[in-house]
Amino acid sequence: MIYTLSFISSFSGFFMLYNTSRKARLSSTGTFEKWLQANPAMARLAGGLLILAAFLLLPAKMGIGVGFLTAFLLLMTAASLVIIIAPMQYIRLRHIVLLVAGTFLLEYLFL
């Protein structure tokens, strides 16, 4: 459960930070994306806090060295997914819910 929460936290935090970017091609179809783009200060704060939460959860669970390494790997994975998928406007709430349910299921079955 910790891995899923930290991945979703990293993914959501990076998605919020991505939507405050001025250089990226941003989606204007979703209401959440519109809110993030209209309130960049709040989005940056929330995104940074979510990424920080992931970086605090994993070292507490796994130890300092392995926890930070795993947190960096999860952040790189989440960032790659956001950068690849977000310009195509495929990220929807339904997809995020399916991703969370799938990772919870895999974590529950195999850990």
PDB file of N, CA and C in Angstrom:
ATOM      1  N   MET A   1       0.814  -1.183   0.000  1.00  0.00           N
ATOM      2  CA  MET A   1       0.000   0.000   0.000  1.00  0.00           C
ATOM      3  C   MET A   1       0.869   1.263   0.000  1.00  0.00           C
ATOM      4  N   ILE A   2       2.015   1.195   0.641  1.00  0.00           N
ATOM      5  CA  ILE A   2       2.917   2.336   0.683  1.00  0.00           C
ATOM      6  C   ILE A   2       3.442   2.652  -0.717  1.00  0.00           C
ATOM      7  N   TYR A   3       3.750   1.618  -1.483  1.00  0.00           N
ATOM      8  CA  TYR A   3       4.284   1.832  -2.823  1.00  0.00           C
ATOM      9  C   TYR A   3       3.243   2.487  -3.734  1.00  0.00           C
ATOM     10  N   THR A   4       2.021   2.031  -3.628  1.00  0.00           N
ATOM     11  CA  THR A   4       0.948   2.603  -4.435  1.00  0.00           C
ATOM     12  C   THR A   4       0.698   4.059  -4.046  1.00  0.00           C
ATOM     13  N   LEU A   5       0.639   4.324  -2.764  1.00  0.00           N
ATOM     14  CA  LEU A   5       0.417   5.695  -2.318  1.00  0.00           C
ATOM     15  C   LEU A   5       1.554   6.616  -2.735  1.00  0.00           C
ATOM     16  N   SER A   6       2.778   6.133  -2.639  1.00  0.00           N
ATOM     17  CA  SER A   6       3.894   6.990  -3.026  1.00  0.00           C
ATOM     18  C   SER A   6       3.953   7.171  -4.539  1.00  0.00           C
ATOM     19  N   PHE A   7       3.581   6.147  -5.328  1.00  0.00           N
ATOM     20  CA  PHE A   7       3.566   6.327  -6.782  1.00  0.00           C
ATOM     21  C   PHE A   7       2.473   7.300  -7.198  1.00  0.00           C
ATOM     22  N   ILE A   8       1.292   7.152  -6.646  1.00  0.00           N
ATOM     23  CA  ILE A   8       0.193   8.057  -6.984  1.00  0.00           C
ATOM     24  C   ILE A   8       0.511   9.474  -6.507  1.00  0.00           C
ATOM     25  N   SER A   9       1.168   9.583  -5.368  1.00  0.00           N
ATOM     26  CA  SER A   9       1.573  10.890  -4.874  1.00  0.00           C
ATOM     27  C   SER A   9       2.589  11.531  -5.821  1.00  0.00           C
ATOM     28  N   SER A  10       3.572  10.766  -6.267  1.00  0.00           N
ATOM     29  CA  SER A  10       4.562  11.289  -7.213  1.00  0.00           C
ATOM     30  C   SER A  10       3.913  11.649  -8.542  1.00  0.00           C
ATOM     31  N   PHE A  11       3.047  10.775  -9.034  1.00  0.00           N
ATOM     32  CA  PHE A  11       2.365  11.008 -10.310  1.00  0.00           C
ATOM     33  C   PHE A  11       1.503  12.260 -10.240  1.00  0.00           C
ATOM     34  N   SER A  12       0.704  12.375  -9.192  1.00  0.00           N
ATOM     35  CA  SER A  12      -0.187  13.532  -9.054  1.00  0.00           C
ATOM     36  C   SER A  12       0.603  14.820  -8.859  1.00  0.00           C
ATOM     37  N   GLY A  13       1.650  14.754  -8.036  1.00  0.00           N
ATOM     38  CA  GLY A  13       2.469  15.933  -7.812  1.00  0.00           C
ATOM     39  C   GLY A  13       3.154  16.411  -9.072  1.00  0.00           C
ATOM     40  N   PHE A  14       3.721  15.479  -9.846  1.00  0.00           N
ATOM     41  CA  PHE A  14       4.369  15.884 -11.081  1.00  0.00           C
ATOM     42  C   PHE A  14       3.353  16.374 -12.100  1.00  0.00           C
ATOM     43  N   PHE A  15       2.168  15.779 -12.130  1.00  0.00           N
ATOM     44  CA  PHE A  15       1.116  16.240 -13.042  1.00  0.00           C
ATOM     45  C   PHE A  15       0.701  17.668 -12.709  1.00  0.00           C
ATOM     46  N   MET A  16       0.619  17.974 -11.418  1.00  0.00           N
ATOM     47  CA  MET A  16       0.285  19.345 -11.015  1.00  0.00           C
ATOM     48  C   MET A  16       1.386  20.317 -11.418  1.00  0.00           C
ATOM     49  N   LEU A  17       2.631  19.928 -11.199  1.00  0.00           N
ATOM     50  CA  LEU A  17       3.743  20.793 -11.587  1.00  0.00           C
ATOM     51  C   LEU A  17       3.831  20.936 -13.103  1.00  0.00           C
ATOM     52  N   TYR A  18       3.526  19.870 -13.818  1.00  0.00           N
ATOM     53  CA  TYR A  18       3.546  19.906 -15.285  1.00  0.00           C
ATOM     54  C   TYR A  18       2.506  20.890 -15.811  1.00  0.00           C
ATOM     55  N   ASN A  19       1.355  20.939 -15.183  1.00  0.00           N
ATOM     56  CA  ASN A  19       0.288  21.826 -15.650  1.00  0.00           C
ATOM     57  C   ASN A  19       0.522  23.285 -15.305  1.00  0.00           C
ATOM     58  N   THR A  20       1.560  23.596 -14.539  1.00  0.00           N
ATOM     59  CA  THR A  20       1.916  24.989 -14.292  1.00  0.00           C
ATOM     60  C   THR A  20       3.019  25.455 -15.239  1.00  0.00           C
ATOM     61  N   SER A  21       3.495  24.571 -16.103  1.00  0.00           N
ATOM     62  CA  SER A  21       4.576  24.908 -17.021  1.00  0.00           C
ATOM     63  C   SER A  21       4.087  25.846 -18.117  1.00  0.00           C
ATOM     64  N   ARG A  22       4.962  26.727 -18.540  1.00  0.00           N
ATOM     65  CA  ARG A  22       4.617  27.637 -19.637  1.00  0.00           C
ATOM     66  C   ARG A  22       5.109  27.097 -20.971  1.00  0.00           C
ATOM     67  N   LYS A  23       6.014  26.113 -20.937  1.00  0.00           N
ATOM     68  CA  LYS A  23       6.603  25.606 -22.169  1.00  0.00           C
ATOM     69  C   LYS A  23       5.867  24.396 -22.733  1.00  0.00           C
ATOM     70  N   ALA A  24       5.175  23.666 -21.899  1.00  0.00           N
ATOM     71  CA  ALA A  24       4.504  22.445 -22.339  1.00  0.00           C
ATOM     72  C   ALA A  24       3.201  22.776 -23.058  1.00  0.00           C
ATOM     73  N   ARG A  25       2.786  21.861 -23.915  1.00  0.00           N
ATOM     74  CA  ARG A  25       1.488  21.982 -24.575  1.00  0.00           C
ATOM     75  C   ARG A  25       0.434  21.423 -23.624  1.00  0.00           C
ATOM     76  N   LEU A  26      -0.313  22.285 -23.016  1.00  0.00           N
ATOM     77  CA  LEU A  26      -1.221  21.892 -21.942  1.00  0.00           C
ATOM     78  C   LEU A  26      -2.623  21.632 -22.460  1.00  0.00           C
ATOM     79  N   SER A  27      -3.297  20.726 -21.773  1.00  0.00           N
ATOM     80  CA  SER A  27      -4.675  20.407 -22.101  1.00  0.00           C
ATOM     81  C   SER A  27      -5.598  21.432 -21.461  1.00  0.00           C
ATOM     82  N   SER A  28      -6.617  21.809 -22.166  1.00  0.00           N
ATOM     83  CA  SER A  28      -7.596  22.736 -21.599  1.00  0.00           C
ATOM     84  C   SER A  28      -8.990  22.123 -21.605  1.00  0.00           C
ATOM     85  N   THR A  29      -9.063  20.796 -21.665  1.00  0.00           N
ATOM     86  CA  THR A  29     -10.365  20.158 -21.731  1.00  0.00           C
ATOM     87  C   THR A  29     -10.895  19.778 -20.361  1.00  0.00           C
ATOM     88  N   GLY A  30     -10.040  19.375 -19.445  1.00  0.00           N
ATOM     89  CA  GLY A  30     -10.501  18.936 -18.132  1.00  0.00           C
ATOM     90  C   GLY A  30     -10.651  20.085 -17.162  1.00  0.00           C
ATOM     91  N   THR A  31     -11.590  19.956 -16.248  1.00  0.00           N
ATOM     92  CA  THR A  31     -11.815  21.020 -15.277  1.00  0.00           C
ATOM     93  C   THR A  31     -10.666  21.098 -14.276  1.00  0.00           C
ATOM     94  N   PHE A  32     -10.092  19.941 -13.902  1.00  0.00           N
ATOM     95  CA  PHE A  32      -8.972  19.948 -12.970  1.00  0.00           C
ATOM     96  C   PHE A  32      -7.749  20.607 -13.603  1.00  0.00           C
ATOM     97  N   GLU A  33      -7.499  20.325 -14.876  1.00  0.00           N
ATOM     98  CA  GLU A  33      -6.376  20.938 -15.573  1.00  0.00           C
ATOM     99  C   GLU A  33      -6.569  22.453 -15.685  1.00  0.00           C
ATOM    100  N   LYS A  34      -7.798  22.881 -15.964  1.00  0.00           N
ATOM    101  CA  LYS A  34      -8.083  24.316 -16.042  1.00  0.00           C
ATOM    102  C   LYS A  34      -7.834  24.996 -14.703  1.00  0.00           C
ATOM    103  N   TRP A  35      -8.236  24.333 -13.610  1.00  0.00           N
ATOM    104  CA  TRP A  35      -8.021  24.908 -12.284  1.00  0.00           C
ATOM    105  C   TRP A  35      -6.531  25.004 -11.976  1.00  0.00           C
ATOM    106  N   LEU A  36      -5.768  23.959 -12.315  1.00  0.00           N
ATOM    107  CA  LEU A  36      -4.323  23.982 -12.078  1.00  0.00           C
ATOM    108  C   LEU A  36      -3.655  25.111 -12.851  1.00  0.00           C
ATOM    109  N   GLN A  37      -4.086  25.324 -14.083  1.00  0.00           N
ATOM    110  CA  GLN A  37      -3.485  26.370 -14.909  1.00  0.00           C
ATOM    111  C   GLN A  37      -3.912  27.765 -14.445  1.00  0.00           C
ATOM    112  N   ALA A  38      -5.084  27.867 -13.859  1.00  0.00           N
ATOM    113  CA  ALA A  38      -5.559  29.164 -13.373  1.00  0.00           C
ATOM    114  C   ALA A  38      -4.953  29.529 -12.018  1.00  0.00           C
ATOM    115  N   ASN A  39      -4.548  28.531 -11.237  1.00  0.00           N
ATOM    116  CA  ASN A  39      -3.979  28.748  -9.902  1.00  0.00           C
ATOM    117  C   ASN A  39      -2.593  28.114  -9.818  1.00  0.00           C
ATOM    118  N   PRO A  40      -1.602  28.679 -10.485  1.00  0.00           N
ATOM    119  CA  PRO A  40      -0.290  28.020 -10.512  1.00  0.00           C
ATOM    120  C   PRO A  40       0.417  27.987  -9.160  1.00  0.00           C
ATOM    121  N   ALA A  41       0.212  28.983  -8.319  1.00  0.00           N
ATOM    122  CA  ALA A  41       0.886  28.989  -7.014  1.00  0.00           C
ATOM    123  C   ALA A  41       0.380  27.846  -6.139  1.00  0.00           C
ATOM    124  N   MET A  42      -0.929  27.668  -6.095  1.00  0.00           N
ATOM    125  CA  MET A  42      -1.503  26.564  -5.304  1.00  0.00           C
ATOM    126  C   MET A  42      -1.121  25.211  -5.889  1.00  0.00           C
ATOM    127  N   ALA A  43      -1.094  25.118  -7.222  1.00  0.00           N
ATOM    128  CA  ALA A  43      -0.740  23.863  -7.876  1.00  0.00           C
ATOM    129  C   ALA A  43       0.713  23.492  -7.605  1.00  0.00           C
ATOM    130  N   ARG A  44       1.600  24.494  -7.628  1.00  0.00           N
ATOM    131  CA  ARG A  44       3.011  24.214  -7.331  1.00  0.00           C
ATOM    132  C   ARG A  44       3.192  23.776  -5.888  1.00  0.00           C
ATOM    133  N   LEU A  45       2.494  24.421  -4.983  1.00  0.00           N
ATOM    134  CA  LEU A  45       2.592  24.057  -3.573  1.00  0.00           C
ATOM    135  C   LEU A  45       2.060  22.649  -3.337  1.00  0.00           C
ATOM    136  N   ALA A  46       0.893  22.364  -3.872  1.00  0.00           N
ATOM    137  CA  ALA A  46       0.305  21.031  -3.694  1.00  0.00           C
ATOM    138  C   ALA A  46       1.157  19.956  -4.366  1.00  0.00           C
ATOM    139  N   GLY A  47       1.652  20.231  -5.568  1.00  0.00           N
ATOM    140  CA  GLY A  47       2.498  19.276  -6.266  1.00  0.00           C
ATOM    141  C   GLY A  47       3.788  19.004  -5.518  1.00  0.00           C
ATOM    142  N   GLY A  48       4.406  20.051  -5.025  1.00  0.00           N
ATOM    143  CA  GLY A  48       5.636  19.878  -4.247  1.00  0.00           C
ATOM    144  C   GLY A  48       5.404  19.099  -2.969  1.00  0.00           C
ATOM    145  N   LEU A  49       4.284  19.355  -2.293  1.00  0.00           N
ATOM    146  CA  LEU A  49       3.967  18.619  -1.064  1.00  0.00           C
ATOM    147  C   LEU A  49       3.674  17.144  -1.343  1.00  0.00           C
ATOM    148  N   LEU A  50       3.025  16.856  -2.457  1.00  0.00           N
ATOM    149  CA  LEU A  50       2.763  15.462  -2.805  1.00  0.00           C
ATOM    150  C   LEU A  50       4.054  14.709  -3.122  1.00  0.00           C
ATOM    151  N   ILE A  51       4.963  15.347  -3.834  1.00  0.00           N
ATOM    152  CA  ILE A  51       6.245  14.707  -4.126  1.00  0.00           C
ATOM    153  C   ILE A  51       7.056  14.543  -2.841  1.00  0.00           C
ATOM    154  N   LEU A  52       7.012  15.536  -1.968  1.00  0.00           N
ATOM    155  CA  LEU A  52       7.698  15.428  -0.684  1.00  0.00           C
ATOM    156  C   LEU A  52       7.123  14.297   0.161  1.00  0.00           C
ATOM    157  N   ALA A  53       5.818  14.104   0.103  1.00  0.00           N
ATOM    158  CA  ALA A  53       5.190  13.005   0.848  1.00  0.00           C
ATOM    159  C   ALA A  53       5.712  11.655   0.374  1.00  0.00           C
ATOM    160  N   ALA A  54       5.882  11.510  -0.930  1.00  0.00           N
ATOM    161  CA  ALA A  54       6.433  10.255  -1.458  1.00  0.00           C
ATOM    162  C   ALA A  54       7.863  10.058  -0.994  1.00  0.00           C
ATOM    163  N   PHE A  55       8.624  11.158  -0.942  1.00  0.00           N
ATOM    164  CA  PHE A  55      10.011  11.068  -0.509  1.00  0.00           C
ATOM    165  C   PHE A  55      10.128  10.877   0.995  1.00  0.00           C
ATOM    166  N   LEU A  56       9.071  11.059   1.748  1.00  0.00           N
ATOM    167  CA  LEU A  56       9.097  10.782   3.175  1.00  0.00           C
ATOM    168  C   LEU A  56       8.529   9.400   3.507  1.00  0.00           C
ATOM    169  N   LEU A  57       7.562   8.931   2.720  1.00  0.00           N
ATOM    170  CA  LEU A  57       6.957   7.629   2.976  1.00  0.00           C
ATOM    171  C   LEU A  57       7.933   6.480   2.734  1.00  0.00           C
ATOM    172  N   LEU A  58       8.603   6.490   1.620  1.00  0.00           N
ATOM    173  CA  LEU A  58       9.457   5.364   1.260  1.00  0.00           C
ATOM    174  C   LEU A  58      10.681   5.209   2.156  1.00  0.00           C
ATOM    175  N   PRO A  59      11.417   6.272   2.490  1.00  0.00           N
ATOM    176  CA  PRO A  59      12.522   6.063   3.434  1.00  0.00           C
ATOM    177  C   PRO A  59      12.058   5.620   4.813  1.00  0.00           C
ATOM    178  N   ALA A  60      10.876   6.028   5.230  1.00  0.00           N
ATOM    179  CA  ALA A  60      10.350   5.563   6.512  1.00  0.00           C
ATOM    180  C   ALA A  60      10.038   4.072   6.471  1.00  0.00           C
ATOM    181  N   LYS A  61       9.621   3.573   5.324  1.00  0.00           N
ATOM    182  CA  LYS A  61       9.264   2.160   5.177  1.00  0.00           C
ATOM    183  C   LYS A  61      10.492   1.284   4.910  1.00  0.00           C
ATOM    184  N   MET A  62      11.408   1.753   4.041  1.00  0.00           N
ATOM    185  CA  MET A  62      12.469   0.896   3.541  1.00  0.00           C
ATOM    186  C   MET A  62      13.864   1.236   4.049  1.00  0.00           C
ATOM    187  N   GLY A  63      14.029   2.333   4.728  1.00  0.00           N
ATOM    188  CA  GLY A  63      15.356   2.781   5.114  1.00  0.00           C
ATOM    189  C   GLY A  63      15.767   3.961   4.244  1.00  0.00           C
ATOM    190  N   ILE A  64      16.782   4.689   4.686  1.00  0.00           N
ATOM    191  CA  ILE A  64      17.127   5.935   4.019  1.00  0.00           C
ATOM    192  C   ILE A  64      17.663   5.725   2.610  1.00  0.00           C
ATOM    193  N   GLY A  65      18.659   4.875   2.447  1.00  0.00           N
ATOM    194  CA  GLY A  65      19.291   4.698   1.142  1.00  0.00           C
ATOM    195  C   GLY A  65      18.365   4.115   0.102  1.00  0.00           C
ATOM    196  N   VAL A  66      17.791   2.984   0.419  1.00  0.00           N
ATOM    197  CA  VAL A  66      16.906   2.303  -0.527  1.00  0.00           C
ATOM    198  C   VAL A  66      15.613   3.084  -0.722  1.00  0.00           C
ATOM    199  N   GLY A  67      15.134   3.726   0.321  1.00  0.00           N
ATOM    200  CA  GLY A  67      13.908   4.506   0.221  1.00  0.00           C
ATOM    201  C   GLY A  67      14.044   5.694  -0.712  1.00  0.00           C
ATOM    202  N   PHE A  68      15.155   6.436  -0.592  1.00  0.00           N
ATOM    203  CA  PHE A  68      15.360   7.569  -1.497  1.00  0.00           C
ATOM    204  C   PHE A  68      15.592   7.104  -2.927  1.00  0.00           C
ATOM    205  N   LEU A  69      16.321   6.009  -3.106  1.00  0.00           N
ATOM    206  CA  LEU A  69      16.533   5.485  -4.448  1.00  0.00           C
ATOM    207  C   LEU A  69      15.208   5.066  -5.078  1.00  0.00           C
ATOM    208  N   THR A  70      14.385   4.384  -4.321  1.00  0.00           N
ATOM    209  CA  THR A  70      13.080   3.965  -4.824  1.00  0.00           C
ATOM    210  C   THR A  70      12.187   5.171  -5.102  1.00  0.00           C
ATOM    211  N   ALA A  71      12.249   6.168  -4.245  1.00  0.00           N
ATOM    212  CA  ALA A  71      11.447   7.381  -4.466  1.00  0.00           C
ATOM    213  C   ALA A  71      11.889   8.083  -5.746  1.00  0.00           C
ATOM    214  N   PHE A  72      13.197   8.162  -5.985  1.00  0.00           N
ATOM    215  CA  PHE A  72      13.680   8.764  -7.234  1.00  0.00           C
ATOM    216  C   PHE A  72      13.235   7.961  -8.443  1.00  0.00           C
ATOM    217  N   LEU A  73      13.289   6.637  -8.346  1.00  0.00           N
ATOM    218  CA  LEU A  73      12.846   5.802  -9.464  1.00  0.00           C
ATOM    219  C   LEU A  73      11.358   5.963  -9.735  1.00  0.00           C
ATOM    220  N   LEU A  74      10.559   6.016  -8.676  1.00  0.00           N
ATOM    221  CA  LEU A  74       9.123   6.228  -8.857  1.00  0.00           C
ATOM    222  C   LEU A  74       8.835   7.608  -9.444  1.00  0.00           C
ATOM    223  N   LEU A  75       9.583   8.624  -9.010  1.00  0.00           N
ATOM    224  CA  LEU A  75       9.383   9.962  -9.553  1.00  0.00           C
ATOM    225  C   LEU A  75       9.774  10.008 -11.027  1.00  0.00           C
ATOM    226  N   MET A  76      10.876   9.340 -11.393  1.00  0.00           N
ATOM    227  CA  MET A  76      11.269   9.312 -12.806  1.00  0.00           C
ATOM    228  C   MET A  76      10.235   8.578 -13.654  1.00  0.00           C
ATOM    229  N   THR A  77       9.679   7.498 -13.126  1.00  0.00           N
ATOM    230  CA  THR A  77       8.651   6.764 -13.851  1.00  0.00           C
ATOM    231  C   THR A  77       7.391   7.608 -14.020  1.00  0.00           C
ATOM    232  N   ALA A  78       6.962   8.242 -12.953  1.00  0.00           N
ATOM    233  CA  ALA A  78       5.766   9.097 -13.020  1.00  0.00           C
ATOM    234  C   ALA A  78       5.989  10.269 -13.960  1.00  0.00           C
ATOM    235  N   ALA A  79       7.172  10.877 -13.893  1.00  0.00           N
ATOM    236  CA  ALA A  79       7.469  12.010 -14.775  1.00  0.00           C
ATOM    237  C   ALA A  79       7.474  11.576 -16.237  1.00  0.00           C
ATOM    238  N   SER A  80       8.043  10.412 -16.519  1.00  0.00           N
ATOM    239  CA  SER A  80       8.048   9.918 -17.896  1.00  0.00           C
ATOM    240  C   SER A  80       6.634   9.674 -18.400  1.00  0.00           C
ATOM    241  N   LEU A  81       5.804   9.079 -17.555  1.00  0.00           N
ATOM    242  CA  LEU A  81       4.420   8.832 -17.954  1.00  0.00           C
ATOM    243  C   LEU A  81       3.674  10.131 -18.220  1.00  0.00           C
ATOM    244  N   VAL A  82       3.845  11.106 -17.352  1.00  0.00           N
ATOM    245  CA  VAL A  82       3.139  12.374 -17.530  1.00  0.00           C
ATOM    246  C   VAL A  82       3.613  13.078 -18.793  1.00  0.00           C
ATOM    247  N   ILE A  83       4.910  13.110 -19.029  1.00  0.00           N
ATOM    248  CA  ILE A  83       5.442  13.806 -20.195  1.00  0.00           C
ATOM    249  C   ILE A  83       5.033  13.119 -21.497  1.00  0.00           C
ATOM    250  N   ILE A  84       4.938  11.794 -21.479  1.00  0.00           N
ATOM    251  CA  ILE A  84       4.551  11.064 -22.682  1.00  0.00           C
ATOM    252  C   ILE A  84       3.047  11.134 -22.937  1.00  0.00           C
ATOM    253  N   ILE A  85       2.252  10.962 -21.885  1.00  0.00           N
ATOM    254  CA  ILE A  85       0.808  10.794 -22.057  1.00  0.00           C
ATOM    255  C   ILE A  85       0.040  12.114 -22.022  1.00  0.00           C
ATOM    256  N   ALA A  86       0.461  13.077 -21.223  1.00  0.00           N
ATOM    257  CA  ALA A  86      -0.315  14.310 -21.053  1.00  0.00           C
ATOM    258  C   ALA A  86      -0.504  15.112 -22.343  1.00  0.00           C
ATOM    259  N   PRO A  87       0.503  15.265 -23.218  1.00  0.00           N
ATOM    260  CA  PRO A  87       0.233  16.037 -24.442  1.00  0.00           C
ATOM    261  C   PRO A  87      -0.812  15.397 -25.363  1.00  0.00           C
ATOM    262  N   MET A  88      -0.985  14.093 -25.250  1.00  0.00           N
ATOM    263  CA  MET A  88      -2.003  13.420 -26.067  1.00  0.00           C
ATOM    264  C   MET A  88      -3.385  13.506 -25.433  1.00  0.00           C
ATOM    265  N   GLN A  89      -3.464  14.122 -24.250  1.00  0.00           N
ATOM    266  CA  GLN A  89      -4.703  14.324 -23.506  1.00  0.00           C
ATOM    267  C   GLN A  89      -5.414  13.012 -23.197  1.00  0.00           C
ATOM    268  N   TYR A  90      -4.632  12.003 -22.793  1.00  0.00           N
ATOM    269  CA  TYR A  90      -5.189  10.708 -22.420  1.00  0.00           C
ATOM    270  C   TYR A  90      -5.425  10.571 -20.924  1.00  0.00           C
ATOM    271  N   ILE A  91      -4.926  11.469 -20.127  1.00  0.00           N
ATOM    272  CA  ILE A  91      -5.064  11.337 -18.685  1.00  0.00           C
ATOM    273  C   ILE A  91      -6.446  11.835 -18.279  1.00  0.00           C
ATOM    274  N   ARG A  92      -7.248  10.930 -17.818  1.00  0.00           N
ATOM    275  CA  ARG A  92      -8.587  11.227 -17.322  1.00  0.00           C
ATOM    276  C   ARG A  92      -8.721  10.618 -15.930  1.00  0.00           C
ATOM    277  N   LEU A  93      -9.727  11.054 -15.197  1.00  0.00           N
ATOM    278  CA  LEU A  93      -9.938  10.550 -13.845  1.00  0.00           C
ATOM    279  C   LEU A  93     -10.185   9.045 -13.860  1.00  0.00           C
ATOM    280  N   ARG A  94     -10.886   8.570 -14.860  1.00  0.00           N
ATOM    281  CA  ARG A  94     -11.156   7.131 -14.975  1.00  0.00           C
ATOM    282  C   ARG A  94      -9.853   6.346 -15.120  1.00  0.00           C
ATOM    283  N   HIS A  95      -8.917   6.876 -15.895  1.00  0.00           N
ATOM    284  CA  HIS A  95      -7.637   6.192 -16.077  1.00  0.00           C
ATOM    285  C   HIS A  95      -6.819   6.182 -14.788  1.00  0.00           C
ATOM    286  N   ILE A  96      -6.873   7.275 -14.057  1.00  0.00           N
ATOM    287  CA  ILE A  96      -6.142   7.339 -12.797  1.00  0.00           C
ATOM    288  C   ILE A  96      -6.735   6.369 -11.790  1.00  0.00           C
ATOM    289  N   VAL A  97      -8.053   6.276 -11.735  1.00  0.00           N
ATOM    290  CA  VAL A  97      -8.703   5.331 -10.824  1.00  0.00           C
ATOM    291  C   VAL A  97      -8.337   3.890 -11.200  1.00  0.00           C
ATOM    292  N   LEU A  98      -8.319   3.583 -12.484  1.00  0.00           N
ATOM    293  CA  LEU A  98      -7.912   2.245 -12.923  1.00  0.00           C
ATOM    294  C   LEU A  98      -6.455   1.959 -12.582  1.00  0.00           C
ATOM    295  N   LEU A  99      -5.589   2.939 -12.727  1.00  0.00           N
ATOM    296  CA  LEU A  99      -4.185   2.776 -12.379  1.00  0.00           C
ATOM    297  C   LEU A  99      -4.022   2.519 -10.886  1.00  0.00           C
ATOM    298  N   VAL A 100      -4.731   3.274 -10.070  1.00  0.00           N
ATOM    299  CA  VAL A 100      -4.659   3.082  -8.617  1.00  0.00           C
ATOM    300  C   VAL A 100      -5.204   1.710  -8.233  1.00  0.00           C
ATOM    301  N   ALA A 101      -6.338   1.326  -8.794  1.00  0.00           N
ATOM    302  CA  ALA A 101      -6.921   0.014  -8.476  1.00  0.00           C
ATOM    303  C   ALA A 101      -5.986  -1.119  -8.911  1.00  0.00           C
ATOM    304  N   GLY A 102      -5.400  -0.986 -10.083  1.00  0.00           N
ATOM    305  CA  GLY A 102      -4.476  -2.013 -10.562  1.00  0.00           C
ATOM    306  C   GLY A 102      -3.230  -2.129  -9.701  1.00  0.00           C
ATOM    307  N   THR A 103      -2.657  -1.010  -9.309  1.00  0.00           N
ATOM    308  CA  THR A 103      -1.455  -1.078  -8.474  1.00  0.00           C
ATOM    309  C   THR A 103      -1.776  -1.557  -7.059  1.00  0.00           C
ATOM    310  N   PHE A 104      -2.928  -1.161  -6.510  1.00  0.00           N
ATOM    311  CA  PHE A 104      -3.330  -1.707  -5.213  1.00  0.00           C
ATOM    312  C   PHE A 104      -3.499  -3.223  -5.299  1.00  0.00           C
ATOM    313  N   LEU A 105      -4.120  -3.697  -6.358  1.00  0.00           N
ATOM    314  CA  LEU A 105      -4.326  -5.134  -6.537  1.00  0.00           C
ATOM    315  C   LEU A 105      -2.990  -5.867  -6.669  1.00  0.00           C
ATOM    316  N   LEU A 106      -2.102  -5.356  -7.495  1.00  0.00           N
ATOM    317  CA  LEU A 106      -0.793  -6.000  -7.659  1.00  0.00           C
ATOM    318  C   LEU A 106       0.009  -5.975  -6.369  1.00  0.00           C
ATOM    319  N   GLU A 107      -0.045  -4.885  -5.665  1.00  0.00           N
ATOM    320  CA  GLU A 107       0.696  -4.798  -4.395  1.00  0.00           C
ATOM    321  C   GLU A 107       0.097  -5.737  -3.356  1.00  0.00           C
ATOM    322  N   TYR A 108      -1.207  -5.838  -3.311  1.00  0.00           N
ATOM    323  CA  TYR A 108      -1.850  -6.734  -2.359  1.00  0.00           C
ATOM    324  C   TYR A 108      -1.570  -8.190  -2.670  1.00  0.00           C
ATOM    325  N   LEU A 109      -1.562  -8.537  -3.945  1.00  0.00           N
ATOM    326  CA  LEU A 109      -1.330  -9.942  -4.328  1.00  0.00           C
ATOM    327  C   LEU A 109       0.097 -10.406  -4.154  1.00  0.00           C
ATOM    328  N   PHE A 110       1.057  -9.523  -4.420  1.00  0.00           N
ATOM    329  CA  PHE A 110       2.439  -9.957  -4.467  1.00  0.00           C
ATOM    330  C   PHE A 110       3.298  -9.515  -3.291  1.00  0.00           C
ATOM    331  N   LEU A 111       2.801  -8.695  -2.395  1.00  0.00           N
ATOM    332  CA  LEU A 111       3.615  -8.281  -1.237  1.00  0.00           C
ATOM    333  C   LEU A 111       3.029  -8.702   0.062  1.00  0.00           C
TER     334      LEU A 111
END
